[in-house]
Amino acid sequence: MSKPLPTDPQGSWHWRGGAGRLIIEARTGTLLSDMAGNWSLDALEKMVEGLSRGRLGKALSASDGPVRCGLRLSNGRDVHFVGAFVSDNEARGMLLAGESFPEIDPAEMRPGPDLVPVYQPIISLRDGRVVGFEALARWDGIEVNAPPSRYEDQALASNMLIRSAETLSKLREGARRDDLFMHVNLTARELTRSTLPALIEALMNGYKLPEKALRMELTEQAALRDENHALSAAMAMKAVGAGLVLDDFGTGHSSFQWLADLPFDSLKIDHGLTRRLGEARIDTILGTITLLATRLGMSSTAEGVERREDAGRLRALGFDHAQGYAFARPMDAEKALAFLKG
């Protein structure tokens, strides 16, 4: 059995403060499988080395924000609870094994040589300014606006994060815009990568990016394989400062469950709805969605906008941002900077 990375995920945890219970899921045969169960904090502390006792209870007493807590078990192993609060009395996150967090394998910091991301501007409907970009994966030898054909790249998420953070830093500096953000897509497979939370934190610290400057786009499809793990991984990313974006909202059957379980920062409304803009029933639905987003403290983005004249109607329906060919096609980093300055 290979030695785990310092941030190797061993399971997930779910704190239910109202009941005072900590539910830990860990697969049989993993380093922390003996922690699996439905625990009171007092019972769990019997497994913890003396100097570590009380730390988890203190971390979970905040009732808000991120949860970062390292414990040493009585058997000498180290465990890290990394996640965030969903509500005042409920938190979720990942259970990580290893001596430290956020150390990562240096190999994770080297992007694939042939990955050439492009960036599509996200436009404010209030004043027409560029507020951010979505990073889209492309490879050498493929026409810039064509979708990638090599999804077998096992390091896609890491590579895209590295390139996106570097580009965002250059765009913020080159355009003198410290408010710009970058969206990066994550699939269900990529959510299982052990070092994602550590990598996000390392990149944000390395490029001096503020909280929520890097925003992870998730779809409800990402939860279908293992909903508990997807929720825990998302909360761990939020704990290290990433923003969360619910992508393709309006296309699935359980999007409202995602809204209930995760404190997303933004919604992206699928083009399947926005392309029908002007239909009375669709406009009512869109206006209701943006109102819901506002009341939940989230911004809303209309995707796939192909007509510039739709900007006014989208703004009237409550959308904050828009993205699509009506405003700009995906472009490389150099053109993105010129677009910002223009």
Foldseek 3Di string as FASTA:
>chain_A
DDDDWQQFFFWKWKFQQVVQWIATDGDPPDPCRVQHDIDHLVVSCVQFPDVQRPQQVVQQQVQFAWGWGWTATPVGWIWIFTFTHLGSGMIMATIGTHDDPPDGDVVLLDADPFKFWWWFFKAFLVPGATQETETATDGPPDPHQDHHDCPVPLSVQSNSLNVQLVLLLCLCVLLVPLRYAYEYEDALSRLNDRNVLRSNLVSCVVSVRAAQSYEYEDEVNSCPVPVRSSLRSVRNNVNSRHAYEYEQPPPDDCVVVVVSRHLHAEYEHDQVLVVPPPPPVSLVVLLVVLVVQVVSNHAYEYEADDAPVCSVVNVVSNHGIYTHVNSHGIGGSVVVSVVNND
